Amino acid sequence: MNVQQFLDKICDVLELEAGSLKGDEALDSLDNWDSLAVISFIALADEALGVIVDAEKLSSAQTVRDLLDLVSEQVTA
């Protein structure tokens, strides 16, 4: 999966139009970033990328880019 595909998957999780995220968005500014979105992100990371997300690191994520950093070893440029 490349970065844009990852961002599009996050758009799906947040029910946003594909291509609308660039990475610098603050999570707390996204209306649909809630506990369900967090669970969906964890499932996405596990199922699509084979990454087990560290809960402590996820809880400190502030931006979409921070989410990408959590799975960066499985996302290509």
PDB file of N, CA and C in Angstrom:
ATOM      1  N   MET A   1       0.852  -1.173   0.000  1.00  0.00           N
ATOM      2  CA  MET A   1       0.000   0.000   0.000  1.00  0.00           C
ATOM      3  C   MET A   1       0.898   1.236   0.000  1.00  0.00           C
ATOM      4  N   ASN A   2       0.544   2.217  -0.831  1.00  0.00           N
ATOM      5  CA  ASN A   2       1.321   3.449  -0.827  1.00  0.00           C
ATOM      6  C   ASN A   2       0.629   4.493   0.056  1.00  0.00           C
ATOM      7  N   VAL A   3       1.269   5.651   0.203  1.00  0.00           N
ATOM      8  CA  VAL A   3       0.764   6.685   1.101  1.00  0.00           C
ATOM      9  C   VAL A   3      -0.635   7.142   0.693  1.00  0.00           C
ATOM     10  N   GLN A   4      -0.848   7.388  -0.602  1.00  0.00           N
ATOM     11  CA  GLN A   4      -2.163   7.868  -1.033  1.00  0.00           C
ATOM     12  C   GLN A   4      -3.246   6.818  -0.787  1.00  0.00           C
ATOM     13  N   GLN A   5      -2.924   5.561  -1.018  1.00  0.00           N
ATOM     14  CA  GLN A   5      -3.892   4.499  -0.733  1.00  0.00           C
ATOM     15  C   GLN A   5      -4.221   4.458   0.756  1.00  0.00           C
ATOM     16  N   PHE A   6      -3.204   4.635   1.582  1.00  0.00           N
ATOM     17  CA  PHE A   6      -3.417   4.675   3.027  1.00  0.00           C
ATOM     18  C   PHE A   6      -4.334   5.838   3.398  1.00  0.00           C
ATOM     19  N   LEU A   7      -4.028   7.017   2.866  1.00  0.00           N
ATOM     20  CA  LEU A   7      -4.853   8.188   3.159  1.00  0.00           C
ATOM     21  C   LEU A   7      -6.296   7.975   2.698  1.00  0.00           C
ATOM     22  N   ASP A   8      -6.461   7.325   1.556  1.00  0.00           N
ATOM     23  CA  ASP A   8      -7.810   7.030   1.067  1.00  0.00           C
ATOM     24  C   ASP A   8      -8.531   6.046   1.986  1.00  0.00           C
ATOM     25  N   LYS A   9      -7.807   5.089   2.548  1.00  0.00           N
ATOM     26  CA  LYS A   9      -8.408   4.154   3.511  1.00  0.00           C
ATOM     27  C   LYS A   9      -8.856   4.902   4.769  1.00  0.00           C
ATOM     28  N   ILE A  10      -8.047   5.870   5.204  1.00  0.00           N
ATOM     29  CA  ILE A  10      -8.431   6.683   6.353  1.00  0.00           C
ATOM     30  C   ILE A  10      -9.666   7.520   6.007  1.00  0.00           C
ATOM     31  N   CYS A  11      -9.732   8.005   4.770  1.00  0.00           N
ATOM     32  CA  CYS A  11     -10.939   8.714   4.313  1.00  0.00           C
ATOM     33  C   CYS A  11     -12.156   7.804   4.435  1.00  0.00           C
ATOM     34  N   ASP A  12     -12.009   6.550   4.043  1.00  0.00           N
ATOM     35  CA  ASP A  12     -13.110   5.585   4.172  1.00  0.00           C
ATOM     36  C   ASP A  12     -13.538   5.445   5.631  1.00  0.00           C
ATOM     37  N   VAL A  13     -12.557   5.307   6.514  1.00  0.00           N
ATOM     38  CA  VAL A  13     -12.837   5.158   7.941  1.00  0.00           C
ATOM     39  C   VAL A  13     -13.612   6.370   8.455  1.00  0.00           C
ATOM     40  N   LEU A  14     -13.229   7.557   7.991  1.00  0.00           N
ATOM     41  CA  LEU A  14     -13.827   8.797   8.475  1.00  0.00           C
ATOM     42  C   LEU A  14     -15.021   9.260   7.648  1.00  0.00           C
ATOM     43  N   GLU A  15     -15.395   8.439   6.653  1.00  0.00           N
ATOM     44  CA  GLU A  15     -16.509   8.753   5.770  1.00  0.00           C
ATOM     45  C   GLU A  15     -16.303  10.093   5.064  1.00  0.00           C
ATOM     46  N   LEU A  16     -15.081  10.288   4.559  1.00  0.00           N
ATOM     47  CA  LEU A  16     -14.723  11.478   3.793  1.00  0.00           C
ATOM     48  C   LEU A  16     -14.517  11.096   2.339  1.00  0.00           C
ATOM     49  N   GLU A  17     -14.571  12.070   1.470  1.00  0.00           N
ATOM     50  CA  GLU A  17     -14.325  11.835   0.055  1.00  0.00           C
ATOM     51  C   GLU A  17     -12.858  11.425  -0.145  1.00  0.00           C
ATOM     52  N   ALA A  18     -12.645  10.398  -0.947  1.00  0.00           N
ATOM     53  CA  ALA A  18     -11.283   9.930  -1.230  1.00  0.00           C
ATOM     54  C   ALA A  18     -10.465  11.098  -1.765  1.00  0.00           C
ATOM     55  N   GLY A  19      -9.227  11.200  -1.301  1.00  0.00           N
ATOM     56  CA  GLY A  19      -8.338  12.251  -1.742  1.00  0.00           C
ATOM     57  C   GLY A  19      -8.434  13.537  -0.942  1.00  0.00           C
ATOM     58  N   SER A  20      -9.327  13.567   0.042  1.00  0.00           N
ATOM     59  CA  SER A  20      -9.518  14.805   0.794  1.00  0.00           C
ATOM     60  C   SER A  20      -8.526  14.989   1.936  1.00  0.00           C
ATOM     61  N   LEU A  21      -7.795  13.950   2.305  1.00  0.00           N
ATOM     62  CA  LEU A  21      -6.782  14.068   3.357  1.00  0.00           C
ATOM     63  C   LEU A  21      -5.399  14.180   2.739  1.00  0.00           C
ATOM     64  N   LYS A  22      -4.584  15.048   3.312  1.00  0.00           N
ATOM     65  CA  LYS A  22      -3.207  15.236   2.848  1.00  0.00           C
ATOM     66  C   LYS A  22      -2.185  14.758   3.874  1.00  0.00           C
ATOM     67  N   GLY A  23      -2.593  14.632   5.141  1.00  0.00           N
ATOM     68  CA  GLY A  23      -1.707  14.127   6.171  1.00  0.00           C
ATOM     69  C   GLY A  23      -1.458  15.100   7.302  1.00  0.00           C
ATOM     70  N   ASP A  24      -1.594  16.385   7.037  1.00  0.00           N
ATOM     71  CA  ASP A  24      -1.301  17.368   8.076  1.00  0.00           C
ATOM     72  C   ASP A  24      -2.515  17.748   8.921  1.00  0.00           C
ATOM     73  N   GLU A  25      -3.651  17.115   8.660  1.00  0.00           N
ATOM     74  CA  GLU A  25      -4.872  17.429   9.397  1.00  0.00           C
ATOM     75  C   GLU A  25      -4.763  16.962  10.852  1.00  0.00           C
ATOM     76  N   ALA A  26      -5.209  17.820  11.763  1.00  0.00           N
ATOM     77  CA  ALA A  26      -5.275  17.444  13.177  1.00  0.00           C
ATOM     78  C   ALA A  26      -6.458  16.502  13.375  1.00  0.00           C
ATOM     79  N   LEU A  27      -6.229  15.415  14.080  1.00  0.00           N
ATOM     80  CA  LEU A  27      -7.302  14.436  14.291  1.00  0.00           C
ATOM     81  C   LEU A  27      -8.490  15.053  15.017  1.00  0.00           C
ATOM     82  N   ASP A  28      -8.232  15.923  15.973  1.00  0.00           N
ATOM     83  CA  ASP A  28      -9.346  16.511  16.717  1.00  0.00           C
ATOM     84  C   ASP A  28     -10.161  17.508  15.894  1.00  0.00           C
ATOM     85  N   SER A  29      -9.690  17.839  14.705  1.00  0.00           N
ATOM     86  CA  SER A  29     -10.458  18.717  13.817  1.00  0.00           C
ATOM     87  C   SER A  29     -11.357  17.922  12.867  1.00  0.00           C
ATOM     88  N   LEU A  30     -11.209  16.608  12.865  1.00  0.00           N
ATOM     89  CA  LEU A  30     -12.001  15.750  11.984  1.00  0.00           C
ATOM     90  C   LEU A  30     -13.241  15.272  12.737  1.00  0.00           C
ATOM     91  N   ASP A  31     -14.404  15.635  12.222  1.00  0.00           N
ATOM     92  CA  ASP A  31     -15.661  15.337  12.912  1.00  0.00           C
ATOM     93  C   ASP A  31     -15.847  13.863  13.239  1.00  0.00           C
ATOM     94  N   ASN A  32     -15.428  12.992  12.364  1.00  0.00           N
ATOM     95  CA  ASN A  32     -15.676  11.565  12.561  1.00  0.00           C
ATOM     96  C   ASN A  32     -14.539  10.826  13.260  1.00  0.00           C
ATOM     97  N   TRP A  33     -13.525  11.542  13.748  1.00  0.00           N
ATOM     98  CA  TRP A  33     -12.461  10.866  14.495  1.00  0.00           C
ATOM     99  C   TRP A  33     -12.972  10.664  15.918  1.00  0.00           C
ATOM    100  N   ASP A  34     -13.446   9.460  16.171  1.00  0.00           N
ATOM    101  CA  ASP A  34     -14.018   9.112  17.469  1.00  0.00           C
ATOM    102  C   ASP A  34     -13.577   7.700  17.823  1.00  0.00           C
ATOM    103  N   SER A  35     -14.154   7.149  18.866  1.00  0.00           N
ATOM    104  CA  SER A  35     -13.730   5.819  19.316  1.00  0.00           C
ATOM    105  C   SER A  35     -13.973   4.751  18.251  1.00  0.00           C
ATOM    106  N   LEU A  36     -15.031   4.869  17.487  1.00  0.00           N
ATOM    107  CA  LEU A  36     -15.285   3.911  16.409  1.00  0.00           C
ATOM    108  C   LEU A  36     -14.227   4.033  15.319  1.00  0.00           C
ATOM    109  N   ALA A  37     -13.821   5.253  14.997  1.00  0.00           N
ATOM    110  CA  ALA A  37     -12.771   5.457  13.998  1.00  0.00           C
ATOM    111  C   ALA A  37     -11.440   4.895  14.492  1.00  0.00           C
ATOM    112  N   VAL A  38     -11.175   5.033  15.778  1.00  0.00           N
ATOM    113  CA  VAL A  38      -9.939   4.476  16.347  1.00  0.00           C
ATOM    114  C   VAL A  38      -9.933   2.962  16.180  1.00  0.00           C
ATOM    115  N   ILE A  39     -11.042   2.321  16.496  1.00  0.00           N
ATOM    116  CA  ILE A  39     -11.140   0.865  16.345  1.00  0.00           C
ATOM    117  C   ILE A  39     -11.008   0.473  14.873  1.00  0.00           C
ATOM    118  N   SER A  40     -11.628   1.239  14.002  1.00  0.00           N
ATOM    119  CA  SER A  40     -11.531   0.965  12.568  1.00  0.00           C
ATOM    120  C   SER A  40     -10.096   1.118  12.073  1.00  0.00           C
ATOM    121  N   PHE A  41      -9.378   2.125  12.584  1.00  0.00           N
ATOM    122  CA  PHE A  41      -7.979   2.306  12.218  1.00  0.00           C
ATOM    123  C   PHE A  41      -7.145   1.110  12.686  1.00  0.00           C
ATOM    124  N   ILE A  42      -7.368   0.670  13.899  1.00  0.00           N
ATOM    125  CA  ILE A  42      -6.634  -0.488  14.431  1.00  0.00           C
ATOM    126  C   ILE A  42      -6.896  -1.717  13.560  1.00  0.00           C
ATOM    127  N   ALA A  43      -8.141  -1.922  13.172  1.00  0.00           N
ATOM    128  CA  ALA A  43      -8.497  -3.058  12.309  1.00  0.00           C
ATOM    129  C   ALA A  43      -7.850  -2.914  10.937  1.00  0.00           C
ATOM    130  N   LEU A  44      -7.864  -1.718  10.377  1.00  0.00           N
ATOM    131  CA  LEU A  44      -7.225  -1.466   9.086  1.00  0.00           C
ATOM    132  C   LEU A  44      -5.740  -1.792   9.149  1.00  0.00           C
ATOM    133  N   ALA A  45      -5.078  -1.301  10.179  1.00  0.00           N
ATOM    134  CA  ALA A  45      -3.650  -1.552  10.323  1.00  0.00           C
ATOM    135  C   ALA A  45      -3.360  -3.044  10.411  1.00  0.00           C
ATOM    136  N   ASP A  46      -4.174  -3.757  11.158  1.00  0.00           N
ATOM    137  CA  ASP A  46      -3.977  -5.191  11.348  1.00  0.00           C
ATOM    138  C   ASP A  46      -4.304  -5.985  10.088  1.00  0.00           C
ATOM    139  N   GLU A  47      -5.489  -5.751   9.525  1.00  0.00           N
ATOM    140  CA  GLU A  47      -5.957  -6.568   8.403  1.00  0.00           C
ATOM    141  C   GLU A  47      -5.269  -6.228   7.084  1.00  0.00           C
ATOM    142  N   ALA A  48      -5.109  -4.953   6.793  1.00  0.00           N
ATOM    143  CA  ALA A  48      -4.556  -4.561   5.496  1.00  0.00           C
ATOM    144  C   ALA A  48      -3.041  -4.506   5.492  1.00  0.00           C
ATOM    145  N   LEU A  49      -2.443  -4.243   6.665  1.00  0.00           N
ATOM    146  CA  LEU A  49      -0.995  -4.037   6.702  1.00  0.00           C
ATOM    147  C   LEU A  49      -0.255  -5.025   7.598  1.00  0.00           C
ATOM    148  N   GLY A  50      -0.978  -5.776   8.400  1.00  0.00           N
ATOM    149  CA  GLY A  50      -0.330  -6.731   9.293  1.00  0.00           C
ATOM    150  C   GLY A  50       0.424  -6.067  10.431  1.00  0.00           C
ATOM    151  N   VAL A  51      -0.012  -4.866  10.831  1.00  0.00           N
ATOM    152  CA  VAL A  51       0.650  -4.113  11.889  1.00  0.00           C
ATOM    153  C   VAL A  51      -0.240  -4.090  13.126  1.00  0.00           C
ATOM    154  N   ILE A  52       0.342  -4.445  14.251  1.00  0.00           N
ATOM    155  CA  ILE A  52      -0.355  -4.314  15.528  1.00  0.00           C
ATOM    156  C   ILE A  52       0.022  -2.941  16.078  1.00  0.00           C
ATOM    157  N   VAL A  53      -0.977  -2.074  16.198  1.00  0.00           N
ATOM    158  CA  VAL A  53      -0.734  -0.704  16.620  1.00  0.00           C
ATOM    159  C   VAL A  53      -0.583  -0.636  18.137  1.00  0.00           C
ATOM    160  N   ASP A  54       0.463   0.038  18.574  1.00  0.00           N
ATOM    161  CA  ASP A  54       0.708   0.261  19.991  1.00  0.00           C
ATOM    162  C   ASP A  54      -0.323   1.265  20.517  1.00  0.00           C
ATOM    163  N   ALA A  55      -1.117   0.862  21.493  1.00  0.00           N
ATOM    164  CA  ALA A  55      -2.207   1.696  22.008  1.00  0.00           C
ATOM    165  C   ALA A  55      -1.699   3.011  22.584  1.00  0.00           C
ATOM    166  N   GLU A  56      -0.583   2.974  23.261  1.00  0.00           N
ATOM    167  CA  GLU A  56      -0.029   4.197  23.855  1.00  0.00           C
ATOM    168  C   GLU A  56       0.380   5.192  22.775  1.00  0.00           C
ATOM    169  N   LYS A  57       1.022   4.687  21.720  1.00  0.00           N
ATOM    170  CA  LYS A  57       1.418   5.566  20.620  1.00  0.00           C
ATOM    171  C   LYS A  57       0.195   6.103  19.889  1.00  0.00           C
ATOM    172  N   LEU A  58      -0.819   5.265  19.707  1.00  0.00           N
ATOM    173  CA  LEU A  58      -2.036   5.709  19.046  1.00  0.00           C
ATOM    174  C   LEU A  58      -2.732   6.794  19.860  1.00  0.00           C
ATOM    175  N   SER A  59      -2.756   6.640  21.158  1.00  0.00           N
ATOM    176  CA  SER A  59      -3.429   7.638  21.996  1.00  0.00           C
ATOM    177  C   SER A  59      -2.728   8.988  21.965  1.00  0.00           C
ATOM    178  N   SER A  60      -1.446   8.997  21.610  1.00  0.00           N
ATOM    179  CA  SER A  60      -0.725  10.273  21.534  1.00  0.00           C
ATOM    180  C   SER A  60      -0.693  10.841  20.115  1.00  0.00           C
ATOM    181  N   ALA A  61      -1.284  10.152  19.156  1.00  0.00           N
ATOM    182  CA  ALA A  61      -1.329  10.653  17.774  1.00  0.00           C
ATOM    183  C   ALA A  61      -2.171  11.920  17.719  1.00  0.00           C
ATOM    184  N   GLN A  62      -1.632  12.933  17.053  1.00  0.00           N
ATOM    185  CA  GLN A  62      -2.316  14.217  16.942  1.00  0.00           C
ATOM    186  C   GLN A  62      -2.783  14.528  15.525  1.00  0.00           C
ATOM    187  N   THR A  63      -2.112  13.943  14.526  1.00  0.00           N
ATOM    188  CA  THR A  63      -2.418  14.251  13.127  1.00  0.00           C
ATOM    189  C   THR A  63      -2.582  12.968  12.325  1.00  0.00           C
ATOM    190  N   VAL A  64      -3.103  13.124  11.124  1.00  0.00           N
ATOM    191  CA  VAL A  64      -3.200  11.988  10.212  1.00  0.00           C
ATOM    192  C   VAL A  64      -1.799  11.456   9.920  1.00  0.00           C
ATOM    193  N   ARG A  65      -0.813  12.335   9.806  1.00  0.00           N
ATOM    194  CA  ARG A  65       0.578  11.922   9.578  1.00  0.00           C
ATOM    195  C   ARG A  65       1.061  11.033  10.721  1.00  0.00           C
ATOM    196  N   ASP A  66       0.644  11.325  11.945  1.00  0.00           N
ATOM    197  CA  ASP A  66       1.016  10.477  13.086  1.00  0.00           C
ATOM    198  C   ASP A  66       0.471   9.061  12.910  1.00  0.00           C
ATOM    199  N   LEU A  67      -0.735   8.950  12.364  1.00  0.00           N
ATOM    200  CA  LEU A  67      -1.295   7.623  12.087  1.00  0.00           C
ATOM    201  C   LEU A  67      -0.442   6.897  11.049  1.00  0.00           C
ATOM    202  N   LEU A  68      -0.048   7.622  10.032  1.00  0.00           N
ATOM    203  CA  LEU A  68       0.812   7.044   9.002  1.00  0.00           C
ATOM    204  C   LEU A  68       2.126   6.574   9.610  1.00  0.00           C
ATOM    205  N   ASP A  69       2.688   7.366  10.504  1.00  0.00           N
ATOM    206  CA  ASP A  69       3.950   6.978  11.156  1.00  0.00           C
ATOM    207  C   ASP A  69       3.819   5.674  11.930  1.00  0.00           C
ATOM    208  N   LEU A  70       2.625   5.386  12.458  1.00  0.00           N
ATOM    209  CA  LEU A  70       2.422   4.157  13.213  1.00  0.00           C
ATOM    210  C   LEU A  70       2.509   2.906  12.354  1.00  0.00           C
ATOM    211  N   VAL A  71       2.264   3.064  11.048  1.00  0.00           N
ATOM    212  CA  VAL A  71       2.272   1.911  10.140  1.00  0.00           C
ATOM    213  C   VAL A  71       3.297   2.089   9.016  1.00  0.00           C
ATOM    214  N   SER A  72       4.206   3.034   9.183  1.00  0.00           N
ATOM    215  CA  SER A  72       5.100   3.441   8.092  1.00  0.00           C
ATOM    216  C   SER A  72       5.959   2.319   7.524  1.00  0.00           C
ATOM    217  N   GLU A  73       6.265   1.323   8.311  1.00  0.00           N
ATOM    218  CA  GLU A  73       7.102   0.239   7.777  1.00  0.00           C
ATOM    219  C   GLU A  73       6.382  -0.582   6.720  1.00  0.00           C
ATOM    220  N   GLN A  74       5.059  -0.478   6.664  1.00  0.00           N
ATOM    221  CA  GLN A  74       4.287  -1.235   5.682  1.00  0.00           C
ATOM    222  C   GLN A  74       3.697  -0.372   4.575  1.00  0.00           C
ATOM    223  N   VAL A  75       3.955   0.945   4.608  1.00  0.00           N
ATOM    224  CA  VAL A  75       3.415   1.864   3.607  1.00  0.00           C
ATOM    225  C   VAL A  75       4.583   2.404   2.800  1.00  0.00           C
ATOM    226  N   THR A  76       4.472   2.308   1.478  1.00  0.00           N
ATOM    227  CA  THR A  76       5.531   2.781   0.607  1.00  0.00           C
ATOM    228  C   THR A  76       5.259   4.218   0.165  1.00  0.00           C
ATOM    229  N   ALA A  77       6.291   4.878  -0.262  1.00  0.00           N
ATOM    230  CA  ALA A  77       6.182   6.293  -0.671  1.00  0.00           C
ATOM    231  C   ALA A  77       5.335   6.482  -1.909  1.00  0.00           C
TER     232      ALA A  77
END
